[in-house]
Amino acid sequence: MTDLAAFWVRFRTNRPAVAGLAVLAVVLVMAAIGPTLYPTDPFDMVGRPFLPPFGAYPLGTDVAGRDILAGILHGARISLMIGIMASFGATVFGVAVGAVAGYYGGWLDNLLMRLTDFFLTIPSFVLAVVLVAIFSPDIVTIVLAIATVSWPSVARLARGEFIAHRQREYVLGCRALGMRDREIILFQIMPNALPPVVVVGSLTVATAILTESGLSFLGLGDPNLVSWGYMIGVARTVLRSAWWMAAIPGLMILITVLAINLVGEGLNDALNPRLRQR
């Protein structure tokens, strides 16, 4: 049995994780082809404002008469893109910092970890708000801000993995053979240290989606793009009179984040079978 087949056998035994993967697949398909199947521009005023769901428009209209269903479909793409890009950036940078700190140790480890601790002492959402407020609130700034507040936890995890591996026999053997540090880090330790990092990286996607939603709710989202957080931000002034405007995108965020968390727990069980046996 190949490693991939063995991984899938372990993963599918976790029923909540499989259910989360199915839901996440539906959301991804909706983000990929939804705007094509339902090409209404989410910024177009298509009807009277405050139309409730199940009328002329399946999910109703918002405060400006825009189609909420169009916003949900287009917003899925933007919210997932922000979450994936921010998580990828945070994971790559965090792994790089943690790998260097854990492998070399000494003063370099102290310097990098004190920098990491500095970022950890600042509330992540507050720092993201400050960064987006200082610079223009566009999608690039939002992604960079979320990545900036997300990398420290990845760095500490990667550091711990590299410390655990740097004195093992296979690493000592590679040094005895004259392999360079860069080759040992990238091709020997990295593949063994990646499984827990992959799990944390997947969960960071959910955190990034929630952070973007919070920024948009405060009016710090990209005004030129529709995301689920942007839709909630638009509806925040009419929560009592038109609750569905915020409830529908909020429900999408809840379902997506829950699905990602379930998949992340399934990855943790499948990639670390010894932990599950304990």
C-alpha atoms as a PDB file:
ATOM      1  CA  MET A   1       0.000   0.000   0.000  1.00  0.00           C
ATOM      2  CA  THR A   2       1.385   3.405  -0.980  1.00  0.00           C
ATOM      3  CA  ASP A   3       1.792   6.217   1.530  1.00  0.00           C
ATOM      4  CA  LEU A   4      -1.049   8.152  -0.106  1.00  0.00           C
ATOM      5  CA  ALA A   5      -3.400   5.155   0.052  1.00  0.00           C
ATOM      6  CA  ALA A   6      -2.491   4.542   3.696  1.00  0.00           C
ATOM      7  CA  PHE A   7      -3.111   8.212   4.452  1.00  0.00           C
ATOM      8  CA  TRP A   8      -6.560   8.080   2.856  1.00  0.00           C
ATOM      9  CA  VAL A   9      -7.466   4.903   4.778  1.00  0.00           C
ATOM     10  CA  ARG A  10      -6.613   6.640   8.059  1.00  0.00           C
ATOM     11  CA  PHE A  11      -8.356   9.861   7.029  1.00  0.00           C
ATOM     12  CA  ARG A  12     -11.654   8.273   5.968  1.00  0.00           C
ATOM     13  CA  THR A  13     -12.047   6.520   9.318  1.00  0.00           C
ATOM     14  CA  ASN A  14     -12.673   9.981  10.777  1.00  0.00           C
ATOM     15  CA  ARG A  15     -16.277  10.555   9.714  1.00  0.00           C
ATOM     16  CA  PRO A  16     -16.496  14.213  10.791  1.00  0.00           C
ATOM     17  CA  ALA A  17     -13.375  14.932   8.739  1.00  0.00           C
ATOM     18  CA  VAL A  18     -14.859  13.238   5.665  1.00  0.00           C
ATOM     19  CA  ALA A  19     -18.068  15.225   6.138  1.00  0.00           C
ATOM     20  CA  GLY A  20     -16.023  18.419   6.455  1.00  0.00           C
ATOM     21  CA  LEU A  21     -14.117  17.538   3.289  1.00  0.00           C
ATOM     22  CA  ALA A  22     -17.398  17.020   1.413  1.00  0.00           C
ATOM     23  CA  VAL A  23     -18.757  20.381   2.571  1.00  0.00           C
ATOM     24  CA  LEU A  24     -15.488  22.093   1.725  1.00  0.00           C
ATOM     25  CA  ALA A  25     -15.547  20.519  -1.738  1.00  0.00           C
ATOM     26  CA  VAL A  26     -19.035  21.941  -2.308  1.00  0.00           C
ATOM     27  CA  VAL A  27     -17.851  25.403  -1.256  1.00  0.00           C
ATOM     28  CA  LEU A  28     -14.832  25.156  -3.568  1.00  0.00           C
ATOM     29  CA  VAL A  29     -17.013  24.114  -6.504  1.00  0.00           C
ATOM     30  CA  MET A  30     -19.411  26.953  -5.701  1.00  0.00           C
ATOM     31  CA  ALA A  31     -16.493  29.393  -5.697  1.00  0.00           C
ATOM     32  CA  ALA A  32     -15.087  27.989  -8.934  1.00  0.00           C
ATOM     33  CA  ILE A  33     -18.180  27.772 -11.130  1.00  0.00           C
ATOM     34  CA  GLY A  34     -20.900  29.606  -9.189  1.00  0.00           C
ATOM     35  CA  PRO A  35     -20.248  33.043 -10.740  1.00  0.00           C
ATOM     36  CA  THR A  36     -20.289  31.424 -14.196  1.00  0.00           C
ATOM     37  CA  LEU A  37     -23.620  29.699 -13.628  1.00  0.00           C
ATOM     38  CA  TYR A  38     -25.109  32.789 -11.972  1.00  0.00           C
ATOM     39  CA  PRO A  39     -23.383  35.686 -13.761  1.00  0.00           C
ATOM     40  CA  THR A  40     -25.220  38.551 -12.040  1.00  0.00           C
ATOM     41  CA  ASP A  41     -22.775  41.248 -10.946  1.00  0.00           C
ATOM     42  CA  PRO A  42     -22.898  41.449  -7.124  1.00  0.00           C
ATOM     43  CA  PHE A  43     -22.600  45.256  -7.335  1.00  0.00           C
ATOM     44  CA  ASP A  44     -25.572  45.682  -9.701  1.00  0.00           C
ATOM     45  CA  MET A  45     -28.819  47.045  -8.249  1.00  0.00           C
ATOM     46  CA  VAL A  46     -31.253  44.456  -9.531  1.00  0.00           C
ATOM     47  CA  GLY A  47     -34.359  45.179  -7.484  1.00  0.00           C
ATOM     48  CA  ARG A  48     -35.950  46.961  -4.588  1.00  0.00           C
ATOM     49  CA  PRO A  49     -33.837  47.036  -1.399  1.00  0.00           C
ATOM     50  CA  PHE A  50     -34.691  44.808   1.576  1.00  0.00           C
ATOM     51  CA  LEU A  51     -36.452  42.116  -0.442  1.00  0.00           C
ATOM     52  CA  PRO A  52     -36.668  38.978   1.781  1.00  0.00           C
ATOM     53  CA  PRO A  53     -35.459  35.540   0.617  1.00  0.00           C
ATOM     54  CA  PHE A  54     -37.635  33.219  -1.474  1.00  0.00           C
ATOM     55  CA  GLY A  55     -39.190  36.074  -3.403  1.00  0.00           C
ATOM     56  CA  ALA A  56     -38.090  37.375  -6.777  1.00  0.00           C
ATOM     57  CA  TYR A  57     -34.510  36.641  -5.725  1.00  0.00           C
ATOM     58  CA  PRO A  58     -33.619  33.369  -3.942  1.00  0.00           C
ATOM     59  CA  LEU A  59     -31.717  35.026  -1.077  1.00  0.00           C
ATOM     60  CA  GLY A  60     -33.260  38.475  -1.255  1.00  0.00           C
ATOM     61  CA  THR A  61     -31.582  41.841  -1.809  1.00  0.00           C
ATOM     62  CA  ASP A  62     -29.441  44.033   0.433  1.00  0.00           C
ATOM     63  CA  VAL A  63     -29.640  47.689   1.464  1.00  0.00           C
ATOM     64  CA  ALA A  64     -28.812  48.845  -2.077  1.00  0.00           C
ATOM     65  CA  GLY A  65     -30.998  46.358  -3.935  1.00  0.00           C
ATOM     66  CA  ARG A  66     -28.105  44.056  -4.847  1.00  0.00           C
ATOM     67  CA  ASP A  67     -28.640  40.318  -5.276  1.00  0.00           C
ATOM     68  CA  ILE A  68     -27.433  38.518  -2.131  1.00  0.00           C
ATOM     69  CA  LEU A  69     -27.067  35.179  -3.958  1.00  0.00           C
ATOM     70  CA  ALA A  70     -24.687  36.803  -6.445  1.00  0.00           C
ATOM     71  CA  GLY A  71     -22.728  38.194  -3.516  1.00  0.00           C
ATOM     72  CA  ILE A  72     -22.537  34.774  -1.851  1.00  0.00           C
ATOM     73  CA  LEU A  73     -21.230  33.094  -5.003  1.00  0.00           C
ATOM     74  CA  HIS A  74     -18.705  35.789  -5.862  1.00  0.00           C
ATOM     75  CA  GLY A  75     -17.786  36.257  -2.202  1.00  0.00           C
ATOM     76  CA  ALA A  76     -16.917  32.579  -1.833  1.00  0.00           C
ATOM     77  CA  ARG A  77     -14.100  33.016  -4.323  1.00  0.00           C
ATOM     78  CA  ILE A  78     -12.727  36.138  -2.632  1.00  0.00           C
ATOM     79  CA  SER A  79     -13.000  34.822   0.943  1.00  0.00           C
ATOM     80  CA  LEU A  80     -11.331  31.520   0.077  1.00  0.00           C
ATOM     81  CA  MET A  81      -8.639  33.248  -1.970  1.00  0.00           C
ATOM     82  CA  ILE A  82      -7.778  35.571   0.905  1.00  0.00           C
ATOM     83  CA  GLY A  83      -7.751  32.674   3.358  1.00  0.00           C
ATOM     84  CA  ILE A  84      -5.562  30.427   1.201  1.00  0.00           C
ATOM     85  CA  MET A  85      -3.118  33.140   0.136  1.00  0.00           C
ATOM     86  CA  ALA A  86      -2.690  34.496   3.668  1.00  0.00           C
ATOM     87  CA  SER A  87      -2.258  30.988   5.076  1.00  0.00           C
ATOM     88  CA  PHE A  88       0.279  30.089   2.402  1.00  0.00           C
ATOM     89  CA  GLY A  89       2.322  33.227   3.033  1.00  0.00           C
ATOM     90  CA  ALA A  90       2.232  32.752   6.809  1.00  0.00           C
ATOM     91  CA  THR A  91       3.188  29.078   6.506  1.00  0.00           C
ATOM     92  CA  VAL A  92       6.120  29.658   4.149  1.00  0.00           C
ATOM     93  CA  PHE A  93       7.556  32.508   6.211  1.00  0.00           C
ATOM     94  CA  GLY A  94       6.900  30.766   9.527  1.00  0.00           C
ATOM     95  CA  VAL A  95       8.532  27.541   8.368  1.00  0.00           C
ATOM     96  CA  ALA A  96      11.569  29.457   7.093  1.00  0.00           C
ATOM     97  CA  VAL A  97      12.030  31.263  10.421  1.00  0.00           C
ATOM     98  CA  GLY A  98      11.395  28.137  12.489  1.00  0.00           C
ATOM     99  CA  ALA A  99      13.692  25.984  10.360  1.00  0.00           C
ATOM    100  CA  VAL A 100      16.639  28.379  10.655  1.00  0.00           C
ATOM    101  CA  ALA A 101      16.080  28.905  14.391  1.00  0.00           C
ATOM    102  CA  GLY A 102      15.626  25.228  15.192  1.00  0.00           C
ATOM    103  CA  TYR A 103      18.454  23.919  13.053  1.00  0.00           C
ATOM    104  CA  TYR A 104      21.207  26.377  13.973  1.00  0.00           C
ATOM    105  CA  GLY A 105      20.199  27.271  17.532  1.00  0.00           C
ATOM    106  CA  GLY A 106      22.410  29.614  19.548  1.00  0.00           C
ATOM    107  CA  TRP A 107      22.202  33.380  19.177  1.00  0.00           C
ATOM    108  CA  LEU A 108      20.306  33.120  15.890  1.00  0.00           C
ATOM    109  CA  ASP A 109      17.626  31.019  17.561  1.00  0.00           C
ATOM    110  CA  ASN A 110      17.352  33.533  20.411  1.00  0.00           C
ATOM    111  CA  LEU A 111      17.083  36.465  18.025  1.00  0.00           C
ATOM    112  CA  LEU A 112      14.409  34.898  15.836  1.00  0.00           C
ATOM    113  CA  MET A 113      12.386  33.599  18.771  1.00  0.00           C
ATOM    114  CA  ARG A 114      12.440  36.964  20.528  1.00  0.00           C
ATOM    115  CA  LEU A 115      11.111  38.485  17.309  1.00  0.00           C
ATOM    116  CA  THR A 116       8.435  35.795  17.213  1.00  0.00           C
ATOM    117  CA  ASP A 117       7.537  36.440  20.860  1.00  0.00           C
ATOM    118  CA  PHE A 118       7.195  40.140  20.105  1.00  0.00           C
ATOM    119  CA  PHE A 119       4.542  39.438  17.481  1.00  0.00           C
ATOM    120  CA  LEU A 120       2.809  36.963  19.803  1.00  0.00           C
ATOM    121  CA  THR A 121       2.465  39.559  22.559  1.00  0.00           C
ATOM    122  CA  ILE A 122       0.366  41.806  20.309  1.00  0.00           C
ATOM    123  CA  PRO A 123      -3.283  40.745  19.843  1.00  0.00           C
ATOM    124  CA  SER A 124      -3.373  39.442  16.286  1.00  0.00           C
ATOM    125  CA  PHE A 125      -6.652  41.068  15.256  1.00  0.00           C
ATOM    126  CA  VAL A 126      -5.633  44.438  16.674  1.00  0.00           C
ATOM    127  CA  LEU A 127      -2.349  44.290  14.764  1.00  0.00           C
ATOM    128  CA  ALA A 128      -4.204  43.361  11.567  1.00  0.00           C
ATOM    129  CA  VAL A 129      -6.553  46.329  12.039  1.00  0.00           C
ATOM    130  CA  VAL A 130      -3.610  48.688  12.549  1.00  0.00           C
ATOM    131  CA  LEU A 131      -1.746  47.416   9.490  1.00  0.00           C
ATOM    132  CA  VAL A 132      -4.777  47.641   7.198  1.00  0.00           C
ATOM    133  CA  ALA A 133      -5.721  51.067   8.580  1.00  0.00           C
ATOM    134  CA  ILE A 134      -2.206  52.440   7.978  1.00  0.00           C
ATOM    135  CA  PHE A 135      -2.060  51.219   4.396  1.00  0.00           C
ATOM    136  CA  SER A 136      -4.813  51.172   1.789  1.00  0.00           C
ATOM    137  CA  PRO A 137      -7.501  48.541   2.535  1.00  0.00           C
ATOM    138  CA  ASP A 138      -7.096  46.491  -0.638  1.00  0.00           C
ATOM    139  CA  ILE A 139      -6.824  42.746  -1.064  1.00  0.00           C
ATOM    140  CA  VAL A 140      -2.992  42.724  -1.120  1.00  0.00           C
ATOM    141  CA  THR A 141      -2.771  44.691   2.118  1.00  0.00           C
ATOM    142  CA  ILE A 142      -5.377  42.469   3.781  1.00  0.00           C
ATOM    143  CA  VAL A 143      -3.559  39.273   2.759  1.00  0.00           C
ATOM    144  CA  LEU A 144      -0.202  40.625   3.952  1.00  0.00           C
ATOM    145  CA  ALA A 145      -1.699  41.847   7.236  1.00  0.00           C
ATOM    146  CA  ILE A 146      -3.307  38.483   7.978  1.00  0.00           C
ATOM    147  CA  ALA A 147      -0.115  36.630   7.030  1.00  0.00           C
ATOM    148  CA  THR A 148       1.892  38.959   9.284  1.00  0.00           C
ATOM    149  CA  VAL A 149      -0.200  38.119  12.341  1.00  0.00           C
ATOM    150  CA  SER A 150      -0.402  34.377  11.546  1.00  0.00           C
ATOM    151  CA  TRP A 151       3.219  33.284  10.993  1.00  0.00           C
ATOM    152  CA  PRO A 152       4.521  33.251  14.622  1.00  0.00           C
ATOM    153  CA  SER A 153       2.598  30.120  15.672  1.00  0.00           C
ATOM    154  CA  VAL A 154       3.824  28.304  12.558  1.00  0.00           C
ATOM    155  CA  ALA A 155       7.402  29.400  13.296  1.00  0.00           C
ATOM    156  CA  ARG A 156       7.323  28.052  16.840  1.00  0.00           C
ATOM    157  CA  LEU A 157       5.909  24.731  15.685  1.00  0.00           C
ATOM    158  CA  ALA A 158       8.498  24.398  12.897  1.00  0.00           C
ATOM    159  CA  ARG A 159      11.301  25.290  15.331  1.00  0.00           C
ATOM    160  CA  GLY A 160      10.211  22.528  17.696  1.00  0.00           C
ATOM    161  CA  GLU A 161      10.162  19.992  14.876  1.00  0.00           C
ATOM    162  CA  PHE A 162      13.643  20.961  13.664  1.00  0.00           C
ATOM    163  CA  ILE A 163      15.055  20.821  17.192  1.00  0.00           C
ATOM    164  CA  ALA A 164      13.624  17.313  17.544  1.00  0.00           C
ATOM    165  CA  HIS A 165      15.203  16.163  14.265  1.00  0.00           C
ATOM    166  CA  ARG A 166      18.547  17.971  14.079  1.00  0.00           C
ATOM    167  CA  GLN A 167      20.443  15.468  16.257  1.00  0.00           C
ATOM    168  CA  ARG A 168      18.910  12.286  14.903  1.00  0.00           C
ATOM    169  CA  GLU A 169      21.020   9.628  13.278  1.00  0.00           C
ATOM    170  CA  TYR A 170      20.004  10.327   9.707  1.00  0.00           C
ATOM    171  CA  VAL A 171      20.902  14.018  10.074  1.00  0.00           C
ATOM    172  CA  LEU A 172      24.261  13.180  11.678  1.00  0.00           C
ATOM    173  CA  GLY A 173      24.893  10.741   8.839  1.00  0.00           C
ATOM    174  CA  CYS A 174      24.148  13.435   6.240  1.00  0.00           C
ATOM    175  CA  ARG A 175      26.629  15.770   7.933  1.00  0.00           C
ATOM    176  CA  ALA A 176      29.252  13.026   7.987  1.00  0.00           C
ATOM    177  CA  LEU A 177      28.750  12.584   4.246  1.00  0.00           C
ATOM    178  CA  GLY A 178      29.472  16.285   3.713  1.00  0.00           C
ATOM    179  CA  MET A 179      25.974  17.460   2.801  1.00  0.00           C
ATOM    180  CA  ARG A 180      25.430  21.195   3.071  1.00  0.00           C
ATOM    181  CA  ASP A 181      23.130  22.639   5.706  1.00  0.00           C
ATOM    182  CA  ARG A 182      20.744  23.886   3.046  1.00  0.00           C
ATOM    183  CA  GLU A 183      20.369  20.398   1.574  1.00  0.00           C
ATOM    184  CA  ILE A 184      19.862  18.833   4.985  1.00  0.00           C
ATOM    185  CA  ILE A 185      17.201  21.398   5.908  1.00  0.00           C
ATOM    186  CA  LEU A 186      15.278  21.247   2.630  1.00  0.00           C
ATOM    187  CA  PHE A 187      15.590  17.611   1.596  1.00  0.00           C
ATOM    188  CA  GLN A 188      16.120  15.659   4.815  1.00  0.00           C
ATOM    189  CA  ILE A 189      14.493  17.363   7.816  1.00  0.00           C
ATOM    190  CA  MET A 190      11.774  19.313   6.019  1.00  0.00           C
ATOM    191  CA  PRO A 191       9.807  16.294   4.705  1.00  0.00           C
ATOM    192  CA  ASN A 192       9.758  14.823   8.232  1.00  0.00           C
ATOM    193  CA  ALA A 193       8.792  18.093   9.896  1.00  0.00           C
ATOM    194  CA  LEU A 194       6.022  19.097   7.474  1.00  0.00           C
ATOM    195  CA  PRO A 195       3.012  16.955   8.620  1.00  0.00           C
ATOM    196  CA  PRO A 196       2.161  19.008  11.753  1.00  0.00           C
ATOM    197  CA  VAL A 197       2.918  22.209   9.845  1.00  0.00           C
ATOM    198  CA  VAL A 198       0.438  21.191   7.131  1.00  0.00           C
ATOM    199  CA  VAL A 199      -2.231  20.714   9.787  1.00  0.00           C
ATOM    200  CA  VAL A 200      -1.592  24.147  11.320  1.00  0.00           C
ATOM    201  CA  GLY A 201      -1.482  25.708   7.852  1.00  0.00           C
ATOM    202  CA  SER A 202      -4.887  24.279   6.990  1.00  0.00           C
ATOM    203  CA  LEU A 203      -6.372  25.647  10.209  1.00  0.00           C
ATOM    204  CA  THR A 204      -4.810  29.034   9.469  1.00  0.00           C
ATOM    205  CA  VAL A 205      -7.071  29.271   6.401  1.00  0.00           C
ATOM    206  CA  ALA A 206     -10.106  29.275   8.693  1.00  0.00           C
ATOM    207  CA  THR A 207      -8.546  31.899  10.957  1.00  0.00           C
ATOM    208  CA  ALA A 208      -7.717  34.073   7.945  1.00  0.00           C
ATOM    209  CA  ILE A 209     -11.321  33.931   6.700  1.00  0.00           C
ATOM    210  CA  LEU A 210     -12.577  34.984  10.135  1.00  0.00           C
ATOM    211  CA  THR A 211     -10.011  37.786  10.360  1.00  0.00           C
ATOM    212  CA  GLU A 212     -10.982  39.139   6.947  1.00  0.00           C
ATOM    213  CA  SER A 213     -14.620  39.039   7.993  1.00  0.00           C
ATOM    214  CA  GLY A 214     -13.826  41.027  11.115  1.00  0.00           C
ATOM    215  CA  LEU A 215     -11.864  43.608   9.119  1.00  0.00           C
ATOM    216  CA  SER A 216     -14.696  43.991   6.621  1.00  0.00           C
ATOM    217  CA  PHE A 217     -17.237  44.306   9.420  1.00  0.00           C
ATOM    218  CA  LEU A 218     -15.231  47.278  10.698  1.00  0.00           C
ATOM    219  CA  GLY A 219     -15.194  48.828   7.219  1.00  0.00           C
ATOM    220  CA  LEU A 220     -11.575  47.851   6.494  1.00  0.00           C
ATOM    221  CA  GLY A 221     -12.278  45.414   3.658  1.00  0.00           C
ATOM    222  CA  ASP A 222     -11.523  45.972  -0.007  1.00  0.00           C
ATOM    223  CA  PRO A 223     -14.417  48.179  -1.241  1.00  0.00           C
ATOM    224  CA  ASN A 224     -13.934  46.968  -4.821  1.00  0.00           C
ATOM    225  CA  LEU A 225     -14.465  43.281  -4.052  1.00  0.00           C
ATOM    226  CA  VAL A 226     -17.383  41.387  -2.542  1.00  0.00           C
ATOM    227  CA  SER A 227     -16.501  38.935   0.210  1.00  0.00           C
ATOM    228  CA  TRP A 228     -18.682  37.337   2.861  1.00  0.00           C
ATOM    229  CA  GLY A 229     -17.179  39.682   5.425  1.00  0.00           C
ATOM    230  CA  TYR A 230     -17.954  42.661   3.210  1.00  0.00           C
ATOM    231  CA  MET A 231     -21.594  41.553   2.983  1.00  0.00           C
ATOM    232  CA  ILE A 232     -21.858  41.340   6.773  1.00  0.00           C
ATOM    233  CA  GLY A 233     -20.260  44.770   7.066  1.00  0.00           C
ATOM    234  CA  VAL A 234     -22.822  46.248   4.675  1.00  0.00           C
ATOM    235  CA  ALA A 235     -25.676  44.701   6.680  1.00  0.00           C
ATOM    236  CA  ARG A 236     -24.437  45.696  10.132  1.00  0.00           C
ATOM    237  CA  THR A 237     -26.697  48.756  10.259  1.00  0.00           C
ATOM    238  CA  VAL A 238     -29.900  46.764   9.577  1.00  0.00           C
ATOM    239  CA  LEU A 239     -29.376  43.691  11.758  1.00  0.00           C
ATOM    240  CA  ARG A 240     -32.777  44.069  13.425  1.00  0.00           C
ATOM    241  CA  SER A 241     -34.923  44.955  10.440  1.00  0.00           C
ATOM    242  CA  ALA A 242     -33.257  42.731   7.788  1.00  0.00           C
ATOM    243  CA  TRP A 243     -31.420  40.022   9.690  1.00  0.00           C
ATOM    244  CA  TRP A 244     -31.001  37.734   6.674  1.00  0.00           C
ATOM    245  CA  MET A 245     -28.533  40.105   5.000  1.00  0.00           C
ATOM    246  CA  ALA A 246     -25.942  39.336   7.660  1.00  0.00           C
ATOM    247  CA  ALA A 247     -27.194  35.885   8.651  1.00  0.00           C
ATOM    248  CA  ILE A 248     -26.752  34.277   5.214  1.00  0.00           C
ATOM    249  CA  PRO A 249     -23.071  35.230   4.654  1.00  0.00           C
ATOM    250  CA  GLY A 250     -22.460  34.623   8.366  1.00  0.00           C
ATOM    251  CA  LEU A 251     -23.836  31.106   7.994  1.00  0.00           C
ATOM    252  CA  MET A 252     -21.552  30.525   4.992  1.00  0.00           C
ATOM    253  CA  ILE A 253     -18.545  31.619   7.042  1.00  0.00           C
ATOM    254  CA  LEU A 254     -19.600  29.338   9.903  1.00  0.00           C
ATOM    255  CA  ILE A 255     -20.065  26.311   7.646  1.00  0.00           C
ATOM    256  CA  THR A 256     -16.795  26.874   5.791  1.00  0.00           C
ATOM    257  CA  VAL A 257     -14.706  27.476   8.910  1.00  0.00           C
ATOM    258  CA  LEU A 258     -16.234  24.445  10.637  1.00  0.00           C
ATOM    259  CA  ALA A 259     -15.516  22.280   7.573  1.00  0.00           C
ATOM    260  CA  ILE A 260     -11.895  23.460   7.447  1.00  0.00           C
ATOM    261  CA  ASN A 261     -11.435  22.738  11.149  1.00  0.00           C
ATOM    262  CA  LEU A 262     -12.874  19.235  10.752  1.00  0.00           C
ATOM    263  CA  VAL A 263     -10.569  18.559   7.809  1.00  0.00           C
ATOM    264  CA  GLY A 264      -7.625  19.897   9.820  1.00  0.00           C
ATOM    265  CA  GLU A 265      -8.398  17.513  12.690  1.00  0.00           C
ATOM    266  CA  GLY A 266      -8.689  14.670  10.210  1.00  0.00           C
ATOM    267  CA  LEU A 267      -5.314  15.572   8.729  1.00  0.00           C
ATOM    268  CA  ASN A 268      -3.826  15.592  12.203  1.00  0.00           C
ATOM    269  CA  ASP A 269      -5.128  12.087  12.899  1.00  0.00           C
ATOM    270  CA  ALA A 270      -4.080  10.760   9.505  1.00  0.00           C
ATOM    271  CA  LEU A 271      -0.601  12.309   9.490  1.00  0.00           C
ATOM    272  CA  ASN A 272       0.097  11.483  13.135  1.00  0.00           C
ATOM    273  CA  PRO A 273      -1.460   8.044  13.704  1.00  0.00           C
ATOM    274  CA  ARG A 274       0.570   7.522  16.896  1.00  0.00           C
ATOM    275  CA  LEU A 275      -1.174  10.494  18.549  1.00  0.00           C
ATOM    276  CA  ARG A 276      -4.559   8.978  17.748  1.00  0.00           C
ATOM    277  CA  GLN A 277      -3.568   5.627  19.305  1.00  0.00           C
ATOM    278  CA  ARG A 278      -2.729   7.355  22.568  1.00  0.00           C
END
